[in-house]
Structures are given as C-alpha cells and as structure tokens.
C-alpha cells in the first residue's frame, strides 16, 4: 500500500515500488465493518488493501466506503438540502443588509 501523503510528497521521478508500505496488513473480504473502521481510525488511514488467504490483492476499502455503510442512506441528499438552505439564508441576510 502507498500512503497518499507520501505519494504526494515524493518527486514525480520516484518509482512507486520504492515507497510501498509492506507493513500495513490487509483485511479479508469477510472483515466486519467495526474492525475495518477501527483499523482505519487507529492508524489514521484513508484506505486498506483487501486480500485473500494467500495475501493476494482483491481490492481496497476506503474511509468513504465505511462512511457509506455507517451513515443513513439519504445523508447525501440531506446534506445538499442543508447546504442549499444555508446558502439561501446567507443570501437573504446579505440582501437585507444591503437594502438597509
């Protein structure tokens, strides 16, 4: 696994293989949501490799994947509504101030 921050700090000529972190353990596809979220939070990671019993890479799980399972299904819609409402209220306050 390559840590995003390290990847961004390295010069463009750096070979990817030289910055791979081989100490980060992967999770198996049957890992619980609790164990994955705890591991991500404990080590301040943005993603984890998903590996099989032979340590072959199957994919990755990200913080966004975990949040999608922890938050209510309509959280994105609710968030957009609150942002739109906040923006509308700010515009009303601005317009009111300008008229006075």
PDB file of N, CA and C in Angstrom:
ATOM      1  N   UNK A   1       0.844  -1.165   0.000  1.00  0.00           N
ATOM      2  CA  UNK A   1       0.000   0.000   0.000  1.00  0.00           C
ATOM      3  C   UNK A   1       0.893   1.232   0.000  1.00  0.00           C
ATOM      4  N   UNK A   2       0.462   2.266  -0.701  1.00  0.00           N
ATOM      5  CA  UNK A   2       1.180   3.537  -0.712  1.00  0.00           C
ATOM      6  C   UNK A   2       0.316   4.571  -0.006  1.00  0.00           C
ATOM      7  N   UNK A   3       0.889   5.259   0.967  1.00  0.00           N
ATOM      8  CA  UNK A   3       0.167   6.305   1.684  1.00  0.00           C
ATOM      9  C   UNK A   3       0.051   7.534   0.788  1.00  0.00           C
ATOM     10  N   UNK A   4      -1.152   8.093   0.714  1.00  0.00           N
ATOM     11  CA  UNK A   4      -1.408   9.227  -0.179  1.00  0.00           C
ATOM     12  C   UNK A   4      -0.491  10.409   0.107  1.00  0.00           C
ATOM     13  N   UNK A   5      -0.288  10.731   1.369  1.00  0.00           N
ATOM     14  CA  UNK A   5       0.546  11.882   1.714  1.00  0.00           C
ATOM     15  C   UNK A   5       1.977  11.685   1.236  1.00  0.00           C
ATOM     16  N   UNK A   6       2.487  10.485   1.416  1.00  0.00           N
ATOM     17  CA  UNK A   6       3.851  10.225   0.958  1.00  0.00           C
ATOM     18  C   UNK A   6       3.922  10.287  -0.559  1.00  0.00           C
ATOM     19  N   UNK A   7       2.930   9.729  -1.216  1.00  0.00           N
ATOM     20  CA  UNK A   7       2.884   9.750  -2.674  1.00  0.00           C
ATOM     21  C   UNK A   7       2.915  11.187  -3.197  1.00  0.00           C
ATOM     22  N   UNK A   8       2.196  12.079  -2.546  1.00  0.00           N
ATOM     23  CA  UNK A   8       2.151  13.475  -2.975  1.00  0.00           C
ATOM     24  C   UNK A   8       3.438  14.233  -2.676  1.00  0.00           C
ATOM     25  N   UNK A   9       4.176  13.809  -1.651  1.00  0.00           N
ATOM     26  CA  UNK A   9       5.418  14.495  -1.283  1.00  0.00           C
ATOM     27  C   UNK A   9       6.611  14.074  -2.125  1.00  0.00           C
ATOM     28  N   UNK A  10       6.563  12.886  -2.700  1.00  0.00           N
ATOM     29  CA  UNK A  10       7.697  12.369  -3.463  1.00  0.00           C
ATOM     30  C   UNK A  10       7.820  13.062  -4.818  1.00  0.00           C
ATOM     31  N   UNK A  11       9.050  13.193  -5.317  1.00  0.00           N
ATOM     32  CA  UNK A  11       9.228  13.763  -6.658  1.00  0.00           C
ATOM     33  C   UNK A  11       8.585  12.860  -7.714  1.00  0.00           C
ATOM     34  N   UNK A  12       8.150  13.435  -8.821  1.00  0.00           N
ATOM     35  CA  UNK A  12       7.491  12.644  -9.870  1.00  0.00           C
ATOM     36  C   UNK A  12       8.342  11.492 -10.408  1.00  0.00           C
ATOM     37  N   UNK A  13       9.648  11.604 -10.289  1.00  0.00           N
ATOM     38  CA  UNK A  13      10.526  10.556 -10.825  1.00  0.00           C
ATOM     39  C   UNK A  13      10.650   9.343  -9.902  1.00  0.00           C
ATOM     40  N   UNK A  14      10.106   9.422  -8.685  1.00  0.00           N
ATOM     41  CA  UNK A  14      10.204   8.322  -7.723  1.00  0.00           C
ATOM     42  C   UNK A  14       9.439   7.105  -8.229  1.00  0.00           C
ATOM     43  N   UNK A  15      10.083   5.950  -8.146  1.00  0.00           N
ATOM     44  CA  UNK A  15       9.420   4.709  -8.532  1.00  0.00           C
ATOM     45  C   UNK A  15       8.431   4.305  -7.439  1.00  0.00           C
ATOM     46  N   UNK A  16       7.259   3.931  -7.851  1.00  0.00           N
ATOM     47  CA  UNK A  16       6.201   3.568  -6.916  1.00  0.00           C
ATOM     48  C   UNK A  16       6.635   2.439  -5.981  1.00  0.00           C
ATOM     49  N   UNK A  17       7.349   1.468  -6.507  1.00  0.00           N
ATOM     50  CA  UNK A  17       7.797   0.337  -5.707  1.00  0.00           C
ATOM     51  C   UNK A  17       8.693   0.729  -4.548  1.00  0.00           C
ATOM     52  N   UNK A  18       9.343   1.879  -4.647  1.00  0.00           N
ATOM     53  CA  UNK A  18      10.250   2.300  -3.580  1.00  0.00           C
ATOM     54  C   UNK A  18       9.524   2.938  -2.396  1.00  0.00           C
ATOM     55  N   UNK A  19       8.249   3.266  -2.551  1.00  0.00           N
ATOM     56  CA  UNK A  19       7.519   3.897  -1.442  1.00  0.00           C
ATOM     57  C   UNK A  19       6.342   3.054  -0.946  1.00  0.00           C
ATOM     58  N   UNK A  20       6.267   1.822  -1.407  1.00  0.00           N
ATOM     59  CA  UNK A  20       5.199   0.926  -0.955  1.00  0.00           C
ATOM     60  C   UNK A  20       5.443   0.533   0.499  1.00  0.00           C
ATOM     61  N   UNK A  21       4.418   0.649   1.323  1.00  0.00           N
ATOM     62  CA  UNK A  21       4.484   0.239   2.722  1.00  0.00           C
ATOM     63  C   UNK A  21       4.043  -1.217   2.811  1.00  0.00           C
ATOM     64  N   UNK A  22       4.985  -2.096   3.062  1.00  0.00           N
ATOM     65  CA  UNK A  22       4.670  -3.526   3.139  1.00  0.00           C
ATOM     66  C   UNK A  22       4.277  -3.947   4.557  1.00  0.00           C
ATOM     67  N   UNK A  23       4.314  -3.009   5.507  1.00  0.00           N
ATOM     68  CA  UNK A  23       3.963  -3.336   6.892  1.00  0.00           C
ATOM     69  C   UNK A  23       2.468  -3.233   7.176  1.00  0.00           C
ATOM     70  N   UNK A  24       1.731  -2.522   6.331  1.00  0.00           N
ATOM     71  CA  UNK A  24       0.289  -2.396   6.539  1.00  0.00           C
ATOM     72  C   UNK A  24      -0.383  -3.704   6.167  1.00  0.00           C
ATOM     73  N   UNK A  25      -1.084  -4.268   7.127  1.00  0.00           N
ATOM     74  CA  UNK A  25      -1.762  -5.537   6.874  1.00  0.00           C
ATOM     75  C   UNK A  25      -3.078  -5.281   6.162  1.00  0.00           C
ATOM     76  N   UNK A  26      -3.403  -6.169   5.258  1.00  0.00           N
ATOM     77  CA  UNK A  26      -4.683  -6.079   4.574  1.00  0.00           C
ATOM     78  C   UNK A  26      -5.780  -6.720   5.403  1.00  0.00           C
ATOM     79  N   UNK A  27      -6.998  -6.480   5.007  1.00  0.00           N
ATOM     80  CA  UNK A  27      -8.144  -7.106   5.659  1.00  0.00           C
ATOM     81  C   UNK A  27      -8.738  -8.127   4.706  1.00  0.00           C
ATOM     82  N   UNK A  28      -9.378  -9.148   5.253  1.00  0.00           N
ATOM     83  CA  UNK A  28     -10.002 -10.137   4.372  1.00  0.00           C
ATOM     84  C   UNK A  28     -11.398  -9.652   3.989  1.00  0.00           C
ATOM     85  N   UNK A  29     -11.956 -10.194   2.941  1.00  0.00           N
ATOM     86  CA  UNK A  29     -13.258  -9.721   2.465  1.00  0.00           C
ATOM     87  C   UNK A  29     -14.398  -9.903   3.469  1.00  0.00           C
ATOM     88  N   UNK A  30     -14.209 -10.762   4.455  1.00  0.00           N
ATOM     89  CA  UNK A  30     -15.248 -11.009   5.456  1.00  0.00           C
ATOM     90  C   UNK A  30     -15.072 -10.165   6.719  1.00  0.00           C
ATOM     91  N   UNK A  31     -14.125  -9.240   6.715  1.00  0.00           N
ATOM     92  CA  UNK A  31     -13.881  -8.407   7.896  1.00  0.00           C
ATOM     93  C   UNK A  31     -15.129  -7.597   8.229  1.00  0.00           C
ATOM     94  N   UNK A  32     -15.370  -7.423   9.511  1.00  0.00           N
ATOM     95  CA  UNK A  32     -16.556  -6.673   9.940  1.00  0.00           C
ATOM     96  C   UNK A  32     -16.349  -5.172   9.726  1.00  0.00           C
ATOM     97  N   UNK A  33     -17.447  -4.469   9.612  1.00  0.00           N
ATOM     98  CA  UNK A  33     -17.411  -3.018   9.471  1.00  0.00           C
ATOM     99  C   UNK A  33     -16.703  -2.398  10.672  1.00  0.00           C
ATOM    100  N   UNK A  34     -16.966  -2.922  11.846  1.00  0.00           N
ATOM    101  CA  UNK A  34     -16.343  -2.415  13.066  1.00  0.00           C
ATOM    102  C   UNK A  34     -14.825  -2.583  13.014  1.00  0.00           C
ATOM    103  N   UNK A  35     -14.339  -3.752  12.624  1.00  0.00           N
ATOM    104  CA  UNK A  35     -12.892  -3.970  12.606  1.00  0.00           C
ATOM    105  C   UNK A  35     -12.208  -3.107  11.547  1.00  0.00           C
ATOM    106  N   UNK A  36     -12.840  -2.957  10.389  1.00  0.00           N
ATOM    107  CA  UNK A  36     -12.253  -2.125   9.330  1.00  0.00           C
ATOM    108  C   UNK A  36     -12.226  -0.663   9.765  1.00  0.00           C
ATOM    109  N   UNK A  37     -13.334  -0.164  10.302  1.00  0.00           N
ATOM    110  CA  UNK A  37     -13.378   1.241  10.718  1.00  0.00           C
ATOM    111  C   UNK A  37     -12.417   1.503  11.877  1.00  0.00           C
ATOM    112  N   UNK A  38     -12.289   0.565  12.792  1.00  0.00           N
ATOM    113  CA  UNK A  38     -11.351   0.713  13.908  1.00  0.00           C
ATOM    114  C   UNK A  38      -9.912   0.761  13.416  1.00  0.00           C
ATOM    115  N   UNK A  39      -9.580  -0.105  12.470  1.00  0.00           N
ATOM    116  CA  UNK A  39      -8.219  -0.149  11.923  1.00  0.00           C
ATOM    117  C   UNK A  39      -7.901   1.156  11.191  1.00  0.00           C
ATOM    118  N   UNK A  40      -8.833   1.618  10.360  1.00  0.00           N
ATOM    119  CA  UNK A  40      -8.622   2.871   9.634  1.00  0.00           C
ATOM    120  C   UNK A  40      -8.425   4.032  10.609  1.00  0.00           C
ATOM    121  N   UNK A  41      -9.257   4.098  11.645  1.00  0.00           N
ATOM    122  CA  UNK A  41      -9.177   5.189  12.615  1.00  0.00           C
ATOM    123  C   UNK A  41      -7.923   5.088  13.477  1.00  0.00           C
ATOM    124  N   UNK A  42      -7.567   3.895  13.907  1.00  0.00           N
ATOM    125  CA  UNK A  42      -6.410   3.710  14.786  1.00  0.00           C
ATOM    126  C   UNK A  42      -5.109   4.145  14.130  1.00  0.00           C
ATOM    127  N   UNK A  43      -4.987   3.882  12.847  1.00  0.00           N
ATOM    128  CA  UNK A  43      -3.743   4.190  12.139  1.00  0.00           C
ATOM    129  C   UNK A  43      -3.886   5.395  11.209  1.00  0.00           C
ATOM    130  N   UNK A  44      -5.008   6.111  11.318  1.00  0.00           N
ATOM    131  CA  UNK A  44      -5.249   7.317  10.525  1.00  0.00           C
ATOM    132  C   UNK A  44      -5.038   7.066   9.028  1.00  0.00           C
ATOM    133  N   UNK A  45      -5.640   5.990   8.540  1.00  0.00           N
ATOM    134  CA  UNK A  45      -5.506   5.602   7.139  1.00  0.00           C
ATOM    135  C   UNK A  45      -6.736   6.024   6.346  1.00  0.00           C
ATOM    136  N   UNK A  46      -6.549   6.228   5.056  1.00  0.00           N
ATOM    137  CA  UNK A  46      -7.658   6.556   4.164  1.00  0.00           C
ATOM    138  C   UNK A  46      -8.174   5.330   3.436  1.00  0.00           C
ATOM    139  N   UNK A  47      -7.341   4.286   3.376  1.00  0.00           N
ATOM    140  CA  UNK A  47      -7.752   3.057   2.690  1.00  0.00           C
ATOM    141  C   UNK A  47      -6.947   1.879   3.213  1.00  0.00           C
ATOM    142  N   UNK A  48      -7.457   0.702   2.926  1.00  0.00           N
ATOM    143  CA  UNK A  48      -6.798  -0.553   3.299  1.00  0.00           C
ATOM    144  C   UNK A  48      -6.898  -1.525   2.138  1.00  0.00           C
ATOM    145  N   UNK A  49      -5.847  -2.324   1.942  1.00  0.00           N
ATOM    146  CA  UNK A  49      -5.968  -3.373   0.925  1.00  0.00           C
ATOM    147  C   UNK A  49      -6.869  -4.498   1.428  1.00  0.00           C
ATOM    148  N   UNK A  50      -7.623  -5.077   0.528  1.00  0.00           N
ATOM    149  CA  UNK A  50      -8.431  -6.262   0.831  1.00  0.00           C
ATOM    150  C   UNK A  50      -7.715  -7.430   0.170  1.00  0.00           C
ATOM    151  N   UNK A  51      -7.359  -8.440   0.976  1.00  0.00           N
ATOM    152  CA  UNK A  51      -6.566  -9.562   0.475  1.00  0.00           C
ATOM    153  C   UNK A  51      -7.237 -10.891   0.820  1.00  0.00           C
ATOM    154  N   UNK A  52      -6.902 -11.918   0.034  1.00  0.00           N
ATOM    155  CA  UNK A  52      -7.435 -13.251   0.320  1.00  0.00           C
ATOM    156  C   UNK A  52      -6.502 -13.985   1.283  1.00  0.00           C
ATOM    157  N   UNK A  53      -6.785 -15.246   1.548  1.00  0.00           N
ATOM    158  CA  UNK A  53      -5.998 -16.045   2.496  1.00  0.00           C
ATOM    159  C   UNK A  53      -4.544 -16.194   2.061  1.00  0.00           C
ATOM    160  N   UNK A  54      -4.282 -16.063   0.771  1.00  0.00           N
ATOM    161  CA  UNK A  54      -2.913 -16.164   0.247  1.00  0.00           C
ATOM    162  C   UNK A  54      -2.248 -14.801   0.094  1.00  0.00           C
ATOM    163  N   UNK A  55      -2.846 -13.775   0.708  1.00  0.00           N
ATOM    164  CA  UNK A  55      -2.337 -12.404   0.656  1.00  0.00           C
ATOM    165  C   UNK A  55      -2.344 -11.802  -0.752  1.00  0.00           C
ATOM    166  N   UNK A  56      -3.191 -12.324  -1.623  1.00  0.00           N
ATOM    167  CA  UNK A  56      -3.334 -11.733  -2.961  1.00  0.00           C
ATOM    168  C   UNK A  56      -4.309 -10.575  -2.871  1.00  0.00           C
ATOM    169  N   UNK A  57      -3.965  -9.500  -3.528  1.00  0.00           N
ATOM    170  CA  UNK A  57      -4.794  -8.303  -3.510  1.00  0.00           C
ATOM    171  C   UNK A  57      -6.104  -8.537  -4.249  1.00  0.00           C
ATOM    172  N   UNK A  58      -7.207  -8.269  -3.564  1.00  0.00           N
ATOM    173  CA  UNK A  58      -8.534  -8.394  -4.167  1.00  0.00           C
ATOM    174  C   UNK A  58      -9.134  -7.025  -4.477  1.00  0.00           C
ATOM    175  N   UNK A  59      -8.709  -6.025  -3.740  1.00  0.00           N
ATOM    176  CA  UNK A  59      -9.254  -4.684  -3.918  1.00  0.00           C
ATOM    177  C   UNK A  59      -8.835  -3.799  -2.763  1.00  0.00           C
ATOM    178  N   UNK A  60      -9.634  -2.786  -2.503  1.00  0.00           N
ATOM    179  CA  UNK A  60      -9.344  -1.857  -1.414  1.00  0.00           C
ATOM    180  C   UNK A  60     -10.656  -1.391  -0.800  1.00  0.00           C
ATOM    181  N   UNK A  61     -10.583  -1.018   0.460  1.00  0.00           N
ATOM    182  CA  UNK A  61     -11.723  -0.415   1.147  1.00  0.00           C
ATOM    183  C   UNK A  61     -11.258   0.958   1.624  1.00  0.00           C
ATOM    184  N   UNK A  62     -12.099   1.961   1.426  1.00  0.00           N
ATOM    185  CA  UNK A  62     -11.734   3.330   1.781  1.00  0.00           C
ATOM    186  C   UNK A  62     -12.597   3.852   2.928  1.00  0.00           C
ATOM    187  N   UNK A  63     -12.182   4.967   3.471  1.00  0.00           N
ATOM    188  CA  UNK A  63     -12.970   5.633   4.509  1.00  0.00           C
ATOM    189  C   UNK A  63     -14.358   5.956   3.963  1.00  0.00           C
ATOM    190  N   UNK A  64     -14.440   6.373   2.708  1.00  0.00           N
ATOM    191  CA  UNK A  64     -15.741   6.666   2.097  1.00  0.00           C
ATOM    192  C   UNK A  64     -16.635   5.434   2.058  1.00  0.00           C
ATOM    193  N   UNK A  65     -16.041   4.272   1.779  1.00  0.00           N
ATOM    194  CA  UNK A  65     -16.823   3.031   1.782  1.00  0.00           C
ATOM    195  C   UNK A  65     -17.422   2.782   3.161  1.00  0.00           C
ATOM    196  N   UNK A  66     -16.617   2.987   4.185  1.00  0.00           N
ATOM    197  CA  UNK A  66     -17.077   2.773   5.560  1.00  0.00           C
ATOM    198  C   UNK A  66     -18.179   3.773   5.906  1.00  0.00           C
ATOM    199  N   UNK A  67     -17.975   5.040   5.553  1.00  0.00           N
ATOM    200  CA  UNK A  67     -18.992   6.059   5.845  1.00  0.00           C
ATOM    201  C   UNK A  67     -20.309   5.763   5.144  1.00  0.00           C
ATOM    202  N   UNK A  68     -20.237   5.257   3.923  1.00  0.00           N
ATOM    203  CA  UNK A  68     -21.463   4.907   3.202  1.00  0.00           C
ATOM    204  C   UNK A  68     -22.286   3.867   3.951  1.00  0.00           C
ATOM    205  N   UNK A  69     -21.614   3.002   4.717  1.00  0.00           N
ATOM    206  CA  UNK A  69     -22.335   1.979   5.481  1.00  0.00           C
ATOM    207  C   UNK A  69     -22.756   2.462   6.871  1.00  0.00           C
ATOM    208  N   UNK A  70     -22.077   3.466   7.394  1.00  0.00           N
ATOM    209  CA  UNK A  70     -22.389   3.959   8.735  1.00  0.00           C
ATOM    210  C   UNK A  70     -23.452   5.058   8.741  1.00  0.00           C
ATOM    211  N   UNK A  71     -23.472   5.873   7.702  1.00  0.00           N
ATOM    212  CA  UNK A  71     -24.412   6.992   7.648  1.00  0.00           C
ATOM    213  C   UNK A  71     -25.749   6.546   7.076  1.00  0.00           C
ATOM    214  N   UNK A  72     -26.811   7.262   7.386  1.00  0.00           N
ATOM    215  CA  UNK A  72     -28.120   6.910   6.816  1.00  0.00           C
ATOM    216  C   UNK A  72     -28.080   6.967   5.287  1.00  0.00           C
ATOM    217  N   UNK A  73     -28.929   6.203   4.650  1.00  0.00           N
ATOM    218  CA  UNK A  73     -28.886   6.100   3.189  1.00  0.00           C
ATOM    219  C   UNK A  73     -29.132   7.430   2.489  1.00  0.00           C
ATOM    220  N   UNK A  74     -29.869   8.325   3.085  1.00  0.00           N
ATOM    221  CA  UNK A  74     -30.176   9.594   2.421  1.00  0.00           C
ATOM    222  C   UNK A  74     -29.300  10.752   2.908  1.00  0.00           C
ATOM    223  N   UNK A  75     -28.161  10.463   3.519  1.00  0.00           N
ATOM    224  CA  UNK A  75     -27.348  11.535   4.089  1.00  0.00           C
ATOM    225  C   UNK A  75     -26.837  12.499   3.029  1.00  0.00           C
ATOM    226  N   UNK A  76     -26.524  12.010   1.832  1.00  0.00           N
ATOM    227  CA  UNK A  76     -26.040  12.918   0.785  1.00  0.00           C
ATOM    228  C   UNK A  76     -27.138  13.902   0.389  1.00  0.00           C
ATOM    229  N   UNK A  77     -28.358  13.408   0.250  1.00  0.00           N
ATOM    230  CA  UNK A  77     -29.481  14.259  -0.124  1.00  0.00           C
ATOM    231  C   UNK A  77     -29.746  15.292   0.970  1.00  0.00           C
ATOM    232  N   UNK A  78     -29.761  14.855   2.214  1.00  0.00           N
ATOM    233  CA  UNK A  78     -29.994  15.761   3.340  1.00  0.00           C
ATOM    234  C   UNK A  78     -28.918  16.835   3.404  1.00  0.00           C
ATOM    235  N   UNK A  79     -27.663  16.443   3.146  1.00  0.00           N
ATOM    236  CA  UNK A  79     -26.543  17.387   3.194  1.00  0.00           C
ATOM    237  C   UNK A  79     -26.712  18.462   2.124  1.00  0.00           C
ATOM    238  N   UNK A  80     -27.080  18.064   0.905  1.00  0.00           N
ATOM    239  CA  UNK A  80     -27.276  19.034  -0.173  1.00  0.00           C
ATOM    240  C   UNK A  80     -28.403  20.002   0.173  1.00  0.00           C
ATOM    241  N   UNK A  81     -29.467  19.497   0.779  1.00  0.00           N
ATOM    242  CA  UNK A  81     -30.577  20.363   1.171  1.00  0.00           C
ATOM    243  C   UNK A  81     -30.131  21.389   2.208  1.00  0.00           C
ATOM    244  N   UNK A  82     -29.321  20.958   3.188  1.00  0.00           N
ATOM    245  CA  UNK A  82     -28.891  21.885   4.231  1.00  0.00           C
ATOM    246  C   UNK A  82     -27.927  22.921   3.671  1.00  0.00           C
ATOM    247  N   UNK A  83     -27.076  22.533   2.728  1.00  0.00           N
ATOM    248  CA  UNK A  83     -26.160  23.489   2.100  1.00  0.00           C
ATOM    249  C   UNK A  83     -26.955  24.509   1.299  1.00  0.00           C
ATOM    250  N   UNK A  84     -27.942  24.051   0.540  1.00  0.00           N
ATOM    251  CA  UNK A  84     -28.772  24.958  -0.255  1.00  0.00           C
ATOM    252  C   UNK A  84     -29.537  25.916   0.651  1.00  0.00           C
ATOM    253  N   UNK A  85     -30.066  25.419   1.749  1.00  0.00           N
ATOM    254  CA  UNK A  85     -30.806  26.259   2.689  1.00  0.00           C
ATOM    255  C   UNK A  85     -29.887  27.284   3.325  1.00  0.00           C
ATOM    256  N   UNK A  86     -28.690  26.858   3.735  1.00  0.00           N
ATOM    257  CA  UNK A  86     -27.729  27.773   4.344  1.00  0.00           C
ATOM    258  C   UNK A  86     -27.345  28.868   3.363  1.00  0.00           C
ATOM    259  N   UNK A  87     -27.081  28.492   2.117  1.00  0.00           N
ATOM    260  CA  UNK A  87     -26.719  29.470   1.094  1.00  0.00           C
ATOM    261  C   UNK A  87     -27.863  30.447   0.860  1.00  0.00           C
ATOM    262  N   UNK A  88     -29.083  29.949   0.789  1.00  0.00           N
ATOM    263  CA  UNK A  88     -30.243  30.819   0.593  1.00  0.00           C
ATOM    264  C   UNK A  88     -30.388  31.790   1.760  1.00  0.00           C
ATOM    265  N   UNK A  89     -30.196  31.310   2.981  1.00  0.00           N
ATOM    266  CA  UNK A  89     -30.301  32.179   4.153  1.00  0.00           C
ATOM    267  C   UNK A  89     -29.206  33.236   4.160  1.00  0.00           C
ATOM    268  N   UNK A  90     -27.988  32.854   3.760  1.00  0.00           N
ATOM    269  CA  UNK A  90     -26.901  33.824   3.691  1.00  0.00           C
ATOM    270  C   UNK A  90     -27.226  34.907   2.669  1.00  0.00           C
ATOM    271  N   UNK A  91     -27.804  34.525   1.536  1.00  0.00           N
ATOM    272  CA  UNK A  91     -28.176  35.498   0.513  1.00  0.00           C
ATOM    273  C   UNK A  91     -29.258  36.439   1.018  1.00  0.00           C
ATOM    274  N   UNK A  92     -30.217  35.905   1.757  1.00  0.00           N
ATOM    275  CA  UNK A  92     -31.279  36.742   2.319  1.00  0.00           C
ATOM    276  C   UNK A  92     -30.680  37.754   3.284  1.00  0.00           C
ATOM    277  N   UNK A  93     -29.776  37.289   4.168  1.00  0.00           N
ATOM    278  CA  UNK A  93     -29.135  38.189   5.124  1.00  0.00           C
ATOM    279  C   UNK A  93     -28.336  39.264   4.400  1.00  0.00           C
ATOM    280  N   UNK A  94     -27.614  38.884   3.362  1.00  0.00           N
ATOM    281  CA  UNK A  94     -26.810  39.829   2.595  1.00  0.00           C
ATOM    282  C   UNK A  94     -27.700  40.858   1.916  1.00  0.00           C
ATOM    283  N   UNK A  95     -28.770  40.405   1.278  1.00  0.00           N
ATOM    284  CA  UNK A  95     -29.676  41.318   0.594  1.00  0.00           C
ATOM    285  C   UNK A  95     -30.345  42.274   1.575  1.00  0.00           C
ATOM    286  N   UNK A  96     -30.717  41.771   2.721  1.00  0.00           N
ATOM    287  CA  UNK A  96     -31.357  42.603   3.735  1.00  0.00           C
ATOM    288  C   UNK A  96     -30.391  43.683   4.209  1.00  0.00           C
ATOM    289  N   UNK A  97     -29.143  43.308   4.442  1.00  0.00           N
ATOM    290  CA  UNK A  97     -28.136  44.253   4.911  1.00  0.00           C
ATOM    291  C   UNK A  97     -27.887  45.333   3.866  1.00  0.00           C
ATOM    292  N   UNK A  98     -27.862  44.936   2.597  1.00  0.00           N
ATOM    293  CA  UNK A  98     -27.592  45.894   1.532  1.00  0.00           C
ATOM    294  C   UNK A  98     -28.720  46.898   1.379  1.00  0.00           C
ATOM    295  N   UNK A  99     -29.948  46.493   1.655  1.00  0.00           N
ATOM    296  CA  UNK A  99     -31.092  47.381   1.482  1.00  0.00           C
ATOM    297  C   UNK A  99     -31.208  48.399   2.605  1.00  0.00           C
ATOM    298  N   UNK A 100     -30.667  48.071   3.768  1.00  0.00           N
ATOM    299  CA  UNK A 100     -30.805  48.951   4.929  1.00  0.00           C
ATOM    300  C   UNK A 100     -29.814  50.034   4.893  1.00  0.00           C
TER     301      UNK A 100
END
